[in-house]
């Protein structure tokens, strides 16, 4: 059974940076595509980014693509989300999710991810 555990959330101020971690167990990380999603108060779940098992560049949602960066450390079985220049609209619960069978056309669809973490809260204060 694949288990994902997020960490690194917290309360920061506008313009600050934060790095989230998603630790994977139950599978080799290089067999999984891992995505980040977020859900702000009163909002629908939003695609943040994805890094695929096949490698290559990560893919990002339009609202974060110039500020957030994903990376993976297969040896540590951890995926990171570096968030820079945080804004109040980035306030949300951030979830990592994983799939062993994700295709490129489906990376933004949360229904295509079989495994989910419990989420970590990021609050950006102005």
Protein backbone atom coordinates (compact mmCIF):
# COMPACT_ATOMS: atom_id res chain seq x y z
CA UNK A 1 0.00 0.00 0.00
CA UNK A 2 1.38 3.37 -1.03
CA UNK A 3 1.38 5.98 1.70
CA UNK A 4 2.12 9.68 1.29
CA UNK A 5 2.97 12.05 4.11
CA UNK A 6 3.22 15.80 3.55
CA UNK A 7 5.15 18.16 5.76
CA UNK A 8 6.50 21.68 5.74
CA UNK A 9 3.35 23.75 5.85
CA UNK A 10 2.94 26.73 8.12
CA UNK A 11 2.15 30.41 8.50
CA UNK A 12 4.23 32.81 6.42
CA UNK A 13 3.97 36.35 5.17
CA UNK A 14 3.42 37.61 1.65
CA UNK A 15 6.63 37.33 -0.34
CA UNK A 16 8.08 34.56 1.80
CA UNK A 17 9.17 31.12 0.64
CA UNK A 18 8.26 27.68 1.91
CA UNK A 19 9.23 24.15 0.92
CA UNK A 20 6.78 21.28 1.23
CA UNK A 21 7.86 17.66 1.32
CA UNK A 22 5.96 14.54 0.35
CA UNK A 23 7.50 11.34 1.66
CA UNK A 24 6.44 8.18 -0.12
CA UNK A 25 6.40 4.67 1.29
CA UNK A 26 5.16 1.37 -0.05
CA UNK A 27 6.63 1.83 -3.52
CA UNK A 28 9.78 2.88 -5.23
CA UNK A 29 9.35 6.55 -6.00
CA UNK A 30 10.57 6.16 -9.58
CA UNK A 31 7.53 4.00 -10.29
CA UNK A 32 5.14 6.78 -9.38
CA UNK A 33 4.03 10.05 -10.89
CA UNK A 34 3.50 12.54 -8.07
CA UNK A 35 1.35 15.61 -8.14
CA UNK A 36 0.57 18.47 -5.82
CA UNK A 37 -2.94 19.86 -5.47
CA UNK A 38 -4.34 22.51 -3.19
CA UNK A 39 -7.72 23.52 -1.89
CA UNK A 40 -8.30 26.99 -0.53
CA UNK A 41 -11.22 28.00 1.68
CA UNK A 42 -14.41 27.88 -0.34
CA UNK A 43 -12.55 26.83 -3.48
CA UNK A 44 -12.35 23.71 -5.58
CA UNK A 45 -9.27 21.54 -5.56
CA UNK A 46 -6.65 23.01 -7.89
CA UNK A 47 -3.77 21.39 -9.75
CA UNK A 48 -0.41 22.79 -8.63
CA UNK A 49 2.12 20.58 -10.35
CA UNK A 50 3.18 17.10 -11.36
CA UNK A 51 6.43 15.27 -11.85
CA UNK A 52 6.08 12.07 -13.78
CA UNK A 53 7.64 8.68 -13.16
CA UNK A 54 9.10 8.75 -16.66
CA UNK A 55 11.16 11.80 -15.77
CA UNK A 56 11.38 14.96 -17.79
CA UNK A 57 10.34 18.40 -16.72
CA UNK A 58 7.63 18.99 -14.14
CA UNK A 59 4.32 20.51 -15.20
CA UNK A 60 2.69 23.37 -13.30
CA UNK A 61 -0.63 25.06 -12.95
CA UNK A 62 -0.88 28.49 -14.53
CA UNK A 63 -1.22 30.32 -11.22
CA UNK A 64 2.06 28.98 -9.82
CA UNK A 65 4.30 28.16 -12.77
CA UNK A 66 6.63 31.12 -12.35
CA UNK A 67 6.93 30.78 -8.58
CA UNK A 68 6.79 27.11 -7.63
CA UNK A 69 9.27 24.36 -8.43
CA UNK A 70 8.92 20.61 -8.00
CA UNK A 71 11.78 18.19 -7.57
CA UNK A 72 12.19 14.59 -6.52
CA UNK A 73 14.82 12.61 -4.65
CA UNK A 74 14.30 8.96 -5.50
CA UNK A 75 16.83 7.78 -2.94
CA UNK A 76 15.02 9.66 -0.16
CA UNK A 77 11.63 8.75 -1.66
CA UNK A 78 10.59 12.35 -1.30
CA UNK A 79 9.06 14.90 -3.64
CA UNK A 80 9.49 18.58 -2.89
CA UNK A 81 7.47 21.66 -3.71
CA UNK A 82 9.49 24.84 -3.41
CA UNK A 83 7.16 27.83 -3.19
CA UNK A 84 8.58 31.29 -3.66
CA UNK A 85 7.01 34.74 -3.51
CA UNK A 86 3.96 33.42 -1.74
CA UNK A 87 0.76 35.41 -2.02
CA UNK A 88 -2.41 35.43 0.05
CA UNK A 89 -4.21 33.50 -2.67
CA UNK A 90 -1.78 30.63 -2.13
CA UNK A 91 -3.41 29.98 1.23
CA UNK A 92 -4.74 26.44 1.07
CA UNK A 93 -4.37 22.89 2.22
CA UNK A 94 -1.74 21.32 0.00
CA UNK A 95 -2.00 17.65 -0.89
CA UNK A 96 0.42 15.37 -2.62
CA UNK A 97 -0.98 12.56 -4.69
CA UNK A 98 0.51 9.68 -6.63
CA UNK A 99 -0.31 7.38 -9.46
CA UNK A 100 1.45 4.39 -10.99
CA UNK A 101 -0.43 4.73 -14.26
CA UNK A 102 -0.73 8.45 -14.95
CA UNK A 103 -0.67 9.58 -18.56
CA UNK A 104 0.36 13.05 -19.63
CA UNK A 105 -3.10 14.17 -20.69
CA UNK A 106 -4.48 13.38 -17.22
CA UNK A 107 -1.94 15.02 -14.93
CA UNK A 108 -4.31 17.88 -13.98
CA UNK A 109 -7.20 15.54 -13.16
CA UNK A 110 -7.24 14.72 -9.45
CA UNK A 111 -9.43 11.68 -10.12
CA UNK A 112 -6.50 10.03 -11.91
CA UNK A 113 -4.40 9.84 -8.73
CA UNK A 114 -4.98 6.74 -6.62
CA UNK A 115 -3.01 7.70 -3.55
CA UNK A 116 -3.31 10.83 -1.41
CA UNK A 117 -1.65 12.31 1.62
CA UNK A 118 -3.50 13.91 4.51
CA UNK A 119 -2.61 17.46 3.48
CA UNK A 120 -0.61 20.25 5.04
CA UNK A 121 -1.91 23.76 5.70
CA UNK A 122 -0.18 26.76 4.16
CA UNK A 123 -1.36 30.14 5.33
CA UNK A 124 0.01 33.32 3.78
CA UNK A 125 -0.64 36.42 5.82
CA UNK A 126 -0.62 39.94 4.50
